Amino acid sequence: MKAGNLYEGIAPPAAGERFETLLQHRQLVVERIVSSKDTTPIEYVQTQDEWVLLVQGSATLDVAGVPHLLHAGDHLFLPARTPHTVSAVSDGALWLAVHLHPDAKT
């Protein structure tokens, strides 16, 4: 059993984002991400599906060239190989990301 608190230790980094794996089980990975307002936009194109929830703060997430303004409580599903970039984010934005990796046998 692994337990914890989503809000413990959520001070934002001085720059960029901090990723922490909360759970990894079979093809499932759950991450907590804490963002600094001083974040350089990086485009991600991942091999796995991802569902992301903005727990606190605000952000603009560009998904395949379309900007999505997110506020606390908003969530998005990002199918595998969908390009996405965090183009703007508030200081201390807190994310929960759920990754579903493809089966290693396929």
PDB file of N, CA and C in Angstrom:
ATOM      1  N   MET A   1       0.847  -1.184   0.000  1.00  0.00           N
ATOM      2  CA  MET A   1       0.000   0.000   0.000  1.00  0.00           C
ATOM      3  C   MET A   1       0.886   1.239   0.000  1.00  0.00           C
ATOM      4  N   LYS A   2       0.527   2.195  -0.852  1.00  0.00           N
ATOM      5  CA  LYS A   2       1.254   3.466  -0.913  1.00  0.00           C
ATOM      6  C   LYS A   2       0.247   4.576  -0.650  1.00  0.00           C
ATOM      7  N   ALA A   3       0.533   5.424   0.324  1.00  0.00           N
ATOM      8  CA  ALA A   3      -0.369   6.521   0.674  1.00  0.00           C
ATOM      9  C   ALA A   3       0.410   7.830   0.678  1.00  0.00           C
ATOM     10  N   GLY A   4      -0.304   8.929   0.562  1.00  0.00           N
ATOM     11  CA  GLY A   4       0.324  10.235   0.586  1.00  0.00           C
ATOM     12  C   GLY A   4      -0.734  11.314   0.562  1.00  0.00           C
ATOM     13  N   ASN A   5      -0.298  12.561   0.427  1.00  0.00           N
ATOM     14  CA  ASN A   5      -1.209  13.688   0.363  1.00  0.00           C
ATOM     15  C   ASN A   5      -0.836  14.523  -0.856  1.00  0.00           C
ATOM     16  N   LEU A   6      -1.801  14.751  -1.726  1.00  0.00           N
ATOM     17  CA  LEU A   6      -1.570  15.477  -2.974  1.00  0.00           C
ATOM     18  C   LEU A   6      -1.020  16.884  -2.725  1.00  0.00           C
ATOM     19  N   TYR A   7      -1.400  17.501  -1.607  1.00  0.00           N
ATOM     20  CA  TYR A   7      -1.031  18.891  -1.342  1.00  0.00           C
ATOM     21  C   TYR A   7       0.259  19.043  -0.536  1.00  0.00           C
ATOM     22  N   GLU A   8       0.847  17.949  -0.090  1.00  0.00           N
ATOM     23  CA  GLU A   8       2.072  18.032   0.705  1.00  0.00           C
ATOM     24  C   GLU A   8       3.262  18.354  -0.197  1.00  0.00           C
ATOM     25  N   GLY A   9       4.031  19.377   0.172  1.00  0.00           N
ATOM     26  CA  GLY A   9       5.242  19.733  -0.575  1.00  0.00           C
ATOM     27  C   GLY A   9       4.967  20.292  -1.955  1.00  0.00           C
ATOM     28  N   ILE A  10       3.952  21.162  -2.088  1.00  0.00           N
ATOM     29  CA  ILE A  10       3.588  21.660  -3.410  1.00  0.00           C
ATOM     30  C   ILE A  10       4.134  23.049  -3.729  1.00  0.00           C
ATOM     31  N   ALA A  11       5.130  23.511  -2.963  1.00  0.00           N
ATOM     32  CA  ALA A  11       5.750  24.796  -3.312  1.00  0.00           C
ATOM     33  C   ALA A  11       6.318  24.677  -4.721  1.00  0.00           C
ATOM     34  N   PRO A  12       6.058  25.682  -5.573  1.00  0.00           N
ATOM     35  CA  PRO A  12       6.535  25.574  -6.956  1.00  0.00           C
ATOM     36  C   PRO A  12       8.052  25.666  -7.041  1.00  0.00           C
ATOM     37  N   PRO A  13       8.621  25.044  -8.049  1.00  0.00           N
ATOM     38  CA  PRO A  13      10.064  25.204  -8.258  1.00  0.00           C
ATOM     39  C   PRO A  13      10.358  26.634  -8.716  1.00  0.00           C
ATOM     40  N   ALA A  14      11.602  27.040  -8.629  1.00  0.00           N
ATOM     41  CA  ALA A  14      11.987  28.395  -9.059  1.00  0.00           C
ATOM     42  C   ALA A  14      11.717  28.593 -10.547  1.00  0.00           C
ATOM     43  N   ALA A  15      11.870  27.536 -11.314  1.00  0.00           N
ATOM     44  CA  ALA A  15      11.611  27.592 -12.758  1.00  0.00           C
ATOM     45  C   ALA A  15      11.209  26.196 -13.232  1.00  0.00           C
ATOM     46  N   GLY A  16      10.446  26.158 -14.300  1.00  0.00           N
ATOM     47  CA  GLY A  16      10.075  24.883 -14.892  1.00  0.00           C
ATOM     48  C   GLY A  16       8.963  24.164 -14.149  1.00  0.00           C
ATOM     49  N   GLU A  17       9.004  22.846 -14.240  1.00  0.00           N
ATOM     50  CA  GLU A  17       7.993  22.020 -13.603  1.00  0.00           C
ATOM     51  C   GLU A  17       8.669  20.885 -12.844  1.00  0.00           C
ATOM     52  N   ARG A  18       7.994  20.429 -11.796  1.00  0.00           N
ATOM     53  CA  ARG A  18       8.482  19.291 -11.024  1.00  0.00           C
ATOM     54  C   ARG A  18       7.487  18.143 -11.192  1.00  0.00           C
ATOM     55  N   PHE A  19       7.978  16.987 -11.600  1.00  0.00           N
ATOM     56  CA  PHE A  19       7.155  15.802 -11.827  1.00  0.00           C
ATOM     57  C   PHE A  19       7.434  14.783 -10.729  1.00  0.00           C
ATOM     58  N   GLU A  20       6.372  14.220 -10.178  1.00  0.00           N
ATOM     59  CA  GLU A  20       6.531  13.191  -9.148  1.00  0.00           C
ATOM     60  C   GLU A  20       5.551  12.061  -9.446  1.00  0.00           C
ATOM     61  N   THR A  21       6.068  10.852  -9.551  1.00  0.00           N
ATOM     62  CA  THR A  21       5.209   9.688  -9.763  1.00  0.00           C
ATOM     63  C   THR A  21       4.551   9.316  -8.441  1.00  0.00           C
ATOM     64  N   LEU A  22       3.218   9.327  -8.426  1.00  0.00           N
ATOM     65  CA  LEU A  22       2.461   8.956  -7.234  1.00  0.00           C
ATOM     66  C   LEU A  22       2.117   7.475  -7.229  1.00  0.00           C
ATOM     67  N   LEU A  23       1.902   6.923  -8.431  1.00  0.00           N
ATOM     68  CA  LEU A  23       1.540   5.513  -8.556  1.00  0.00           C
ATOM     69  C   LEU A  23       2.002   5.005  -9.908  1.00  0.00           C
ATOM     70  N   GLN A  24       2.604   3.832  -9.889  1.00  0.00           N
ATOM     71  CA  GLN A  24       2.951   3.148 -11.123  1.00  0.00           C
ATOM     72  C   GLN A  24       2.535   1.697 -10.956  1.00  0.00           C
ATOM     73  N   HIS A  25       1.618   1.246 -11.828  1.00  0.00           N
ATOM     74  CA  HIS A  25       1.098  -0.115 -11.737  1.00  0.00           C
ATOM     75  C   HIS A  25       0.752  -0.599 -13.135  1.00  0.00           C
ATOM     76  N   ARG A  26       1.431  -1.644 -13.559  1.00  0.00           N
ATOM     77  CA  ARG A  26       1.269  -2.173 -14.911  1.00  0.00           C
ATOM     78  C   ARG A  26       1.451  -1.046 -15.926  1.00  0.00           C
ATOM     79  N   GLN A  27       0.461  -0.784 -16.775  1.00  0.00           N
ATOM     80  CA  GLN A  27       0.613   0.269 -17.792  1.00  0.00           C
ATOM     81  C   GLN A  27       0.147   1.642 -17.298  1.00  0.00           C
ATOM     82  N   LEU A  28      -0.244   1.748 -16.047  1.00  0.00           N
ATOM     83  CA  LEU A  28      -0.796   2.983 -15.487  1.00  0.00           C
ATOM     84  C   LEU A  28       0.274   3.749 -14.696  1.00  0.00           C
ATOM     85  N   VAL A  29       0.394   5.052 -14.978  1.00  0.00           N
ATOM     86  CA  VAL A  29       1.284   5.927 -14.208  1.00  0.00           C
ATOM     87  C   VAL A  29       0.489   7.175 -13.843  1.00  0.00           C
ATOM     88  N   VAL A  30       0.477   7.512 -12.551  1.00  0.00           N
ATOM     89  CA  VAL A  30      -0.179   8.725 -12.066  1.00  0.00           C
ATOM     90  C   VAL A  30       0.911   9.657 -11.562  1.00  0.00           C
ATOM     91  N   GLU A  31       0.921  10.886 -12.093  1.00  0.00           N
ATOM     92  CA  GLU A  31       1.933  11.873 -11.729  1.00  0.00           C
ATOM     93  C   GLU A  31       1.303  13.118 -11.123  1.00  0.00           C
ATOM     94  N   ARG A  32       2.039  13.718 -10.206  1.00  0.00           N
ATOM     95  CA  ARG A  32       1.712  15.063  -9.722  1.00  0.00           C
ATOM     96  C   ARG A  32       2.729  15.988 -10.366  1.00  0.00           C
ATOM     97  N   ILE A  33       2.228  17.092 -10.926  1.00  0.00           N
ATOM     98  CA  ILE A  33       3.099  18.079 -11.563  1.00  0.00           C
ATOM     99  C   ILE A  33       2.842  19.423 -10.894  1.00  0.00           C
ATOM    100  N   VAL A  34       3.915  20.080 -10.485  1.00  0.00           N
ATOM    101  CA  VAL A  34       3.825  21.425  -9.915  1.00  0.00           C
ATOM    102  C   VAL A  34       4.588  22.352 -10.849  1.00  0.00           C
ATOM    103  N   SER A  35       3.924  23.418 -11.291  1.00  0.00           N
ATOM    104  CA  SER A  35       4.503  24.329 -12.283  1.00  0.00           C
ATOM    105  C   SER A  35       4.900  25.661 -11.665  1.00  0.00           C
ATOM    106  N   SER A  36       5.972  26.206 -12.193  1.00  0.00           N
ATOM    107  CA  SER A  36       6.383  27.574 -11.899  1.00  0.00           C
ATOM    108  C   SER A  36       5.855  28.459 -13.021  1.00  0.00           C
ATOM    109  N   LYS A  37       5.602  29.730 -12.715  1.00  0.00           N
ATOM    110  CA  LYS A  37       5.178  30.638 -13.792  1.00  0.00           C
ATOM    111  C   LYS A  37       6.310  30.864 -14.783  1.00  0.00           C
ATOM    112  N   ASP A  38       7.550  30.560 -14.364  1.00  0.00           N
ATOM    113  CA  ASP A  38       8.726  30.685 -15.226  1.00  0.00           C
ATOM    114  C   ASP A  38       8.983  29.329 -15.886  1.00  0.00           C
ATOM    115  N   THR A  39       8.110  28.985 -16.827  1.00  0.00           N
ATOM    116  CA  THR A  39       8.199  27.698 -17.513  1.00  0.00           C
ATOM    117  C   THR A  39       8.422  27.925 -19.003  1.00  0.00           C
ATOM    118  N   THR A  40       9.423  27.280 -19.551  1.00  0.00           N
ATOM    119  CA  THR A  40       9.686  27.352 -20.988  1.00  0.00           C
ATOM    120  C   THR A  40       8.774  26.359 -21.699  1.00  0.00           C
ATOM    121  N   PRO A  41       7.991  26.817 -22.667  1.00  0.00           N
ATOM    122  CA  PRO A  41       7.108  25.892 -23.388  1.00  0.00           C
ATOM    123  C   PRO A  41       7.887  24.778 -24.093  1.00  0.00           C
ATOM    124  N   ILE A  42       7.483  23.540 -23.853  1.00  0.00           N
ATOM    125  CA  ILE A  42       8.076  22.361 -24.479  1.00  0.00           C
ATOM    126  C   ILE A  42       6.949  21.558 -25.102  1.00  0.00           C
ATOM    127  N   GLU A  43       7.096  21.188 -26.356  1.00  0.00           N
ATOM    128  CA  GLU A  43       6.074  20.368 -26.989  1.00  0.00           C
ATOM    129  C   GLU A  43       6.311  18.900 -26.641  1.00  0.00           C
ATOM    130  N   TYR A  44       5.263  18.244 -26.176  1.00  0.00           N
ATOM    131  CA  TYR A  44       5.297  16.820 -25.878  1.00  0.00           C
ATOM    132  C   TYR A  44       4.477  16.073 -26.921  1.00  0.00           C
ATOM    133  N   VAL A  45       5.021  14.968 -27.403  1.00  0.00           N
ATOM    134  CA  VAL A  45       4.298  14.034 -28.257  1.00  0.00           C
ATOM    135  C   VAL A  45       4.616  12.666 -27.676  1.00  0.00           C
ATOM    136  N   GLN A  46       3.681  12.116 -26.937  1.00  0.00           N
ATOM    137  CA  GLN A  46       3.928  10.913 -26.143  1.00  0.00           C
ATOM    138  C   GLN A  46       3.329   9.672 -26.799  1.00  0.00           C
ATOM    139  N   THR A  47       3.898   8.535 -26.486  1.00  0.00           N
ATOM    140  CA  THR A  47       3.406   7.271 -27.035  1.00  0.00           C
ATOM    141  C   THR A  47       2.220   6.725 -26.248  1.00  0.00           C
ATOM    142  N   GLN A  48       1.915   7.319 -25.113  1.00  0.00           N
ATOM    143  CA  GLN A  48       0.819   6.847 -24.275  1.00  0.00           C
ATOM    144  C   GLN A  48      -0.323   7.865 -24.236  1.00  0.00           C
ATOM    145  N   ASP A  49      -1.526   7.366 -23.932  1.00  0.00           N
ATOM    146  CA  ASP A  49      -2.661   8.250 -23.678  1.00  0.00           C
ATOM    147  C   ASP A  49      -2.429   8.956 -22.347  1.00  0.00           C
ATOM    148  N   GLU A  50      -2.972  10.177 -22.232  1.00  0.00           N
ATOM    149  CA  GLU A  50      -2.832  10.938 -20.985  1.00  0.00           C
ATOM    150  C   GLU A  50      -4.132  11.685 -20.699  1.00  0.00           C
ATOM    151  N   TRP A  51      -4.556  11.615 -19.459  1.00  0.00           N
ATOM    152  CA  TRP A  51      -5.668  12.421 -18.964  1.00  0.00           C
ATOM    153  C   TRP A  51      -5.064  13.355 -17.932  1.00  0.00           C
ATOM    154  N   VAL A  52      -5.324  14.652 -18.077  1.00  0.00           N
ATOM    155  CA  VAL A  52      -4.718  15.631 -17.181  1.00  0.00           C
ATOM    156  C   VAL A  52      -5.809  16.479 -16.536  1.00  0.00           C
ATOM    157  N   LEU A  53      -5.652  16.724 -15.234  1.00  0.00           N
ATOM    158  CA  LEU A  53      -6.568  17.534 -14.432  1.00  0.00           C
ATOM    159  C   LEU A  53      -5.772  18.672 -13.817  1.00  0.00           C
ATOM    160  N   LEU A  54      -6.234  19.904 -14.003  1.00  0.00           N
ATOM    161  CA  LEU A  54      -5.625  21.048 -13.332  1.00  0.00           C
ATOM    162  C   LEU A  54      -6.316  21.189 -11.980  1.00  0.00           C
ATOM    163  N   VAL A  55      -5.612  20.858 -10.923  1.00  0.00           N
ATOM    164  CA  VAL A  55      -6.183  20.848  -9.569  1.00  0.00           C
ATOM    165  C   VAL A  55      -6.286  22.268  -9.010  1.00  0.00           C
ATOM    166  N   GLN A  56      -5.233  23.062  -9.236  1.00  0.00           N
ATOM    167  CA  GLN A  56      -5.266  24.462  -8.789  1.00  0.00           C
ATOM    168  C   GLN A  56      -4.470  25.320  -9.749  1.00  0.00           C
ATOM    169  N   GLY A  57      -4.869  26.589  -9.848  1.00  0.00           N
ATOM    170  CA  GLY A  57      -4.193  27.525 -10.720  1.00  0.00           C
ATOM    171  C   GLY A  57      -4.902  27.667 -12.055  1.00  0.00           C
ATOM    172  N   SER A  58      -4.171  28.221 -13.012  1.00  0.00           N
ATOM    173  CA  SER A  58      -4.696  28.375 -14.371  1.00  0.00           C
ATOM    174  C   SER A  58      -3.553  28.107 -15.341  1.00  0.00           C
ATOM    175  N   ALA A  59      -3.928  27.739 -16.563  1.00  0.00           N
ATOM    176  CA  ALA A  59      -2.915  27.420 -17.562  1.00  0.00           C
ATOM    177  C   ALA A  59      -3.528  27.495 -18.954  1.00  0.00           C
ATOM    178  N   THR A  60      -2.682  27.695 -19.931  1.00  0.00           N
ATOM    179  CA  THR A  60      -3.074  27.543 -21.327  1.00  0.00           C
ATOM    180  C   THR A  60      -2.301  26.362 -21.877  1.00  0.00           C
ATOM    181  N   LEU A  61      -3.041  25.387 -22.355  1.00  0.00           N
ATOM    182  CA  LEU A  61      -2.458  24.184 -22.923  1.00  0.00           C
ATOM    183  C   LEU A  61      -2.809  24.160 -24.406  1.00  0.00           C
ATOM    184  N   ASP A  62      -1.794  24.232 -25.250  1.00  0.00           N
ATOM    185  CA  ASP A  62      -2.008  24.148 -26.699  1.00  0.00           C
ATOM    186  C   ASP A  62      -2.025  22.673 -27.083  1.00  0.00           C
ATOM    187  N   VAL A  63      -3.129  22.225 -27.657  1.00  0.00           N
ATOM    188  CA  VAL A  63      -3.292  20.827 -28.052  1.00  0.00           C
ATOM    189  C   VAL A  63      -3.459  20.788 -29.562  1.00  0.00           C
ATOM    190  N   ALA A  64      -2.478  20.217 -30.236  1.00  0.00           N
ATOM    191  CA  ALA A  64      -2.484  20.138 -31.701  1.00  0.00           C
ATOM    192  C   ALA A  64      -2.749  21.513 -32.319  1.00  0.00           C
ATOM    193  N   GLY A  65      -2.125  22.555 -31.734  1.00  0.00           N
ATOM    194  CA  GLY A  65      -2.241  23.907 -32.267  1.00  0.00           C
ATOM    195  C   GLY A  65      -3.449  24.693 -31.801  1.00  0.00           C
ATOM    196  N   VAL A  66      -4.307  24.090 -30.989  1.00  0.00           N
ATOM    197  CA  VAL A  66      -5.509  24.772 -30.498  1.00  0.00           C
ATOM    198  C   VAL A  66      -5.323  25.103 -29.012  1.00  0.00           C
ATOM    199  N   PRO A  67      -5.382  26.396 -28.631  1.00  0.00           N
ATOM    200  CA  PRO A  67      -5.206  26.751 -27.226  1.00  0.00           C
ATOM    201  C   PRO A  67      -6.450  26.424 -26.393  1.00  0.00           C
ATOM    202  N   HIS A  68      -6.206  25.886 -25.195  1.00  0.00           N
ATOM    203  CA  HIS A  68      -7.271  25.581 -24.231  1.00  0.00           C
ATOM    204  C   HIS A  68      -6.923  26.292 -22.938  1.00  0.00           C
ATOM    205  N   LEU A  69      -7.759  27.253 -22.530  1.00  0.00           N
ATOM    206  CA  LEU A  69      -7.571  27.951 -21.269  1.00  0.00           C
ATOM    207  C   LEU A  69      -8.181  27.090 -20.170  1.00  0.00           C
ATOM    208  N   LEU A  70      -7.357  26.690 -19.209  1.00  0.00           N
ATOM    209  CA  LEU A  70      -7.796  25.810 -18.133  1.00  0.00           C
ATOM    210  C   LEU A  70      -7.794  26.537 -16.797  1.00  0.00           C
ATOM    211  N   HIS A  71      -8.783  26.225 -15.990  1.00  0.00           N
ATOM    212  CA  HIS A  71      -8.879  26.714 -14.612  1.00  0.00           C
ATOM    213  C   HIS A  71      -8.993  25.506 -13.697  1.00  0.00           C
ATOM    214  N   ALA A  72      -8.830  25.720 -12.410  1.00  0.00           N
ATOM    215  CA  ALA A  72      -8.904  24.618 -11.452  1.00  0.00           C
ATOM    216  C   ALA A  72     -10.168  23.798 -11.687  1.00  0.00           C
ATOM    217  N   GLY A  73      -9.976  22.493 -11.782  1.00  0.00           N
ATOM    218  CA  GLY A  73     -11.089  21.574 -12.002  1.00  0.00           C
ATOM    219  C   GLY A  73     -11.252  21.146 -13.450  1.00  0.00           C
ATOM    220  N   ASP A  74     -10.628  21.868 -14.387  1.00  0.00           N
ATOM    221  CA  ASP A  74     -10.732  21.500 -15.800  1.00  0.00           C
ATOM    222  C   ASP A  74      -9.814  20.313 -16.096  1.00  0.00           C
ATOM    223  N   HIS A  75     -10.263  19.455 -17.003  1.00  0.00           N
ATOM    224  CA  HIS A  75      -9.446  18.307 -17.392  1.00  0.00           C
ATOM    225  C   HIS A  75      -9.566  18.063 -18.885  1.00  0.00           C
ATOM    226  N   LEU A  76      -8.556  17.390 -19.426  1.00  0.00           N
ATOM    227  CA  LEU A  76      -8.492  17.066 -20.853  1.00  0.00           C
ATOM    228  C   LEU A  76      -7.961  15.647 -21.031  1.00  0.00           C
ATOM    229  N   PHE A  77      -8.427  14.992 -22.085  1.00  0.00           N
ATOM    230  CA  PHE A  77      -7.866  13.705 -22.500  1.00  0.00           C
ATOM    231  C   PHE A  77      -7.002  13.955 -23.722  1.00  0.00           C
ATOM    232  N   LEU A  78      -5.777  13.486 -23.673  1.00  0.00           N
ATOM    233  CA  LEU A  78      -4.815  13.659 -24.763  1.00  0.00           C
ATOM    234  C   LEU A  78      -4.457  12.277 -25.308  1.00  0.00           C
ATOM    235  N   PRO A  79      -5.037  11.898 -26.440  1.00  0.00           N
ATOM    236  CA  PRO A  79      -4.690  10.599 -27.014  1.00  0.00           C
ATOM    237  C   PRO A  79      -3.198  10.527 -27.351  1.00  0.00           C
ATOM    238  N   ALA A  80      -2.673   9.335 -27.375  1.00  0.00           N
ATOM    239  CA  ALA A  80      -1.269   9.123 -27.740  1.00  0.00           C
ATOM    240  C   ALA A  80      -0.947   9.848 -29.045  1.00  0.00           C
ATOM    241  N   ARG A  81       0.252  10.373 -29.115  1.00  0.00           N
ATOM    242  CA  ARG A  81       0.800  11.069 -30.285  1.00  0.00           C
ATOM    243  C   ARG A  81       0.125  12.406 -30.592  1.00  0.00           C
ATOM    244  N   THR A  82      -0.601  12.962 -29.630  1.00  0.00           N
ATOM    245  CA  THR A  82      -1.197  14.288 -29.799  1.00  0.00           C
ATOM    246  C   THR A  82      -0.202  15.333 -29.293  1.00  0.00           C
ATOM    247  N   PRO A  83       0.280  16.217 -30.163  1.00  0.00           N
ATOM    248  CA  PRO A  83       1.218  17.242 -29.696  1.00  0.00           C
ATOM    249  C   PRO A  83       0.527  18.209 -28.731  1.00  0.00           C
ATOM    250  N   HIS A  84       1.198  18.498 -27.613  1.00  0.00           N
ATOM    251  CA  HIS A  84       0.643  19.439 -26.642  1.00  0.00           C
ATOM    252  C   HIS A  84       1.771  20.166 -25.922  1.00  0.00           C
ATOM    253  N   THR A  85       1.481  21.439 -25.588  1.00  0.00           N
ATOM    254  CA  THR A  85       2.461  22.331 -24.981  1.00  0.00           C
ATOM    255  C   THR A  85       1.773  23.188 -23.932  1.00  0.00           C
ATOM    256  N   VAL A  86       2.374  23.298 -22.749  1.00  0.00           N
ATOM    257  CA  VAL A  86       1.907  24.266 -21.759  1.00  0.00           C
ATOM    258  C   VAL A  86       2.532  25.593 -22.165  1.00  0.00           C
ATOM    259  N   SER A  87       1.708  26.498 -22.705  1.00  0.00           N
ATOM    260  CA  SER A  87       2.253  27.762 -23.212  1.00  0.00           C
ATOM    261  C   SER A  87       2.246  28.871 -22.159  1.00  0.00           C
ATOM    262  N   ALA A  88       1.382  28.758 -21.153  1.00  0.00           N
ATOM    263  CA  ALA A  88       1.345  29.727 -20.046  1.00  0.00           C
ATOM    264  C   ALA A  88       0.774  29.018 -18.832  1.00  0.00           C
ATOM    265  N   VAL A  89       1.261  29.411 -17.660  1.00  0.00           N
ATOM    266  CA  VAL A  89       0.799  28.749 -16.432  1.00  0.00           C
ATOM    267  C   VAL A  89       0.983  29.693 -15.249  1.00  0.00           C
ATOM    268  N   SER A  90       0.079  29.599 -14.289  1.00  0.00           N
ATOM    269  CA  SER A  90       0.213  30.406 -13.074  1.00  0.00           C
ATOM    270  C   SER A  90       1.223  29.755 -12.131  1.00  0.00           C
ATOM    271  N   ASP A  91       1.832  30.574 -11.289  1.00  0.00           N
ATOM    272  CA  ASP A  91       2.806  30.070 -10.330  1.00  0.00           C
ATOM    273  C   ASP A  91       2.120  29.128  -9.353  1.00  0.00           C
ATOM    274  N   GLY A  92       2.672  27.940  -9.184  1.00  0.00           N
ATOM    275  CA  GLY A  92       2.110  26.982  -8.250  1.00  0.00           C
ATOM    276  C   GLY A  92       0.951  26.172  -8.806  1.00  0.00           C
ATOM    277  N   ALA A  93       0.769  26.210 -10.123  1.00  0.00           N
ATOM    278  CA  ALA A  93      -0.281  25.382 -10.718  1.00  0.00           C
ATOM    279  C   ALA A  93      -0.002  23.925 -10.362  1.00  0.00           C
ATOM    280  N   LEU A  94      -1.064  23.227 -10.001  1.00  0.00           N
ATOM    281  CA  LEU A  94      -0.947  21.832  -9.570  1.00  0.00           C
ATOM    282  C   LEU A  94      -1.755  20.958 -10.516  1.00  0.00           C
ATOM    283  N   TRP A  95      -1.107  19.964 -11.078  1.00  0.00           N
ATOM    284  CA  TRP A  95      -1.706  19.062 -12.061  1.00  0.00           C
ATOM    285  C   TRP A  95      -1.702  17.631 -11.535  1.00  0.00           C
ATOM    286  N   LEU A  96      -2.657  16.870 -11.991  1.00  0.00           N
ATOM    287  CA  LEU A  96      -2.666  15.426 -11.813  1.00  0.00           C
ATOM    288  C   LEU A  96      -2.730  14.839 -13.217  1.00  0.00           C
ATOM    289  N   ALA A  97      -1.741  14.034 -13.568  1.00  0.00           N
ATOM    290  CA  ALA A  97      -1.685  13.442 -14.905  1.00  0.00           C
ATOM    291  C   ALA A  97      -1.751  11.931 -14.772  1.00  0.00           C
ATOM    292  N   VAL A  98      -2.634  11.336 -15.557  1.00  0.00           N
ATOM    293  CA  VAL A  98      -2.795   9.879 -15.570  1.00  0.00           C
ATOM    294  C   VAL A  98      -2.386   9.393 -16.958  1.00  0.00           C
ATOM    295  N   HIS A  99      -1.354   8.570 -16.997  1.00  0.00           N
ATOM    296  CA  HIS A  99      -0.820   8.034 -18.253  1.00  0.00           C
ATOM    297  C   HIS A  99      -1.200   6.567 -18.369  1.00  0.00           C
ATOM    298  N   LEU A 100      -1.678   6.181 -19.535  1.00  0.00           N
ATOM    299  CA  LEU A 100      -1.978   4.786 -19.807  1.00  0.00           C
ATOM    300  C   LEU A 100      -1.071   4.350 -20.966  1.00  0.00           C
ATOM    301  N   HIS A 101      -0.027   3.618 -20.602  1.00  0.00           N
ATOM    302  CA  HIS A 101       0.956   3.176 -21.588  1.00  0.00           C
ATOM    303  C   HIS A 101       0.412   1.966 -22.351  1.00  0.00           C
ATOM    304  N   PRO A 102       0.800   1.867 -23.625  1.00  0.00           N
ATOM    305  CA  PRO A 102       0.357   0.694 -24.397  1.00  0.00           C
ATOM    306  C   PRO A 102       0.909  -0.582 -23.797  1.00  0.00           C
ATOM    307  N   ASP A 103       0.195  -1.662 -23.985  1.00  0.00           N
ATOM    308  CA  ASP A 103       0.632  -2.972 -23.510  1.00  0.00           C
ATOM    309  C   ASP A 103       1.956  -3.316 -24.180  1.00  0.00           C
ATOM    310  N   ALA A 104       2.916  -3.747 -23.409  1.00  0.00           N
ATOM    311  CA  ALA A 104       4.238  -4.058 -23.940  1.00  0.00           C
ATOM    312  C   ALA A 104       4.206  -5.194 -24.960  1.00  0.00           C
ATOM    313  N   LYS A 105       3.147  -5.984 -24.963  1.00  0.00           N
ATOM    314  CA  LYS A 105       3.038  -7.122 -25.884  1.00  0.00           C
ATOM    315  C   LYS A 105       2.548  -6.703 -27.269  1.00  0.00           C
ATOM    316  N   THR A 106       2.055  -5.456 -27.425  1.00  0.00           N
ATOM    317  CA  THR A 106       1.517  -5.044 -28.718  1.00  0.00           C
ATOM    318  C   THR A 106       2.478  -4.174 -29.463  1.00  0.00           C
TER     319      THR A 106
END
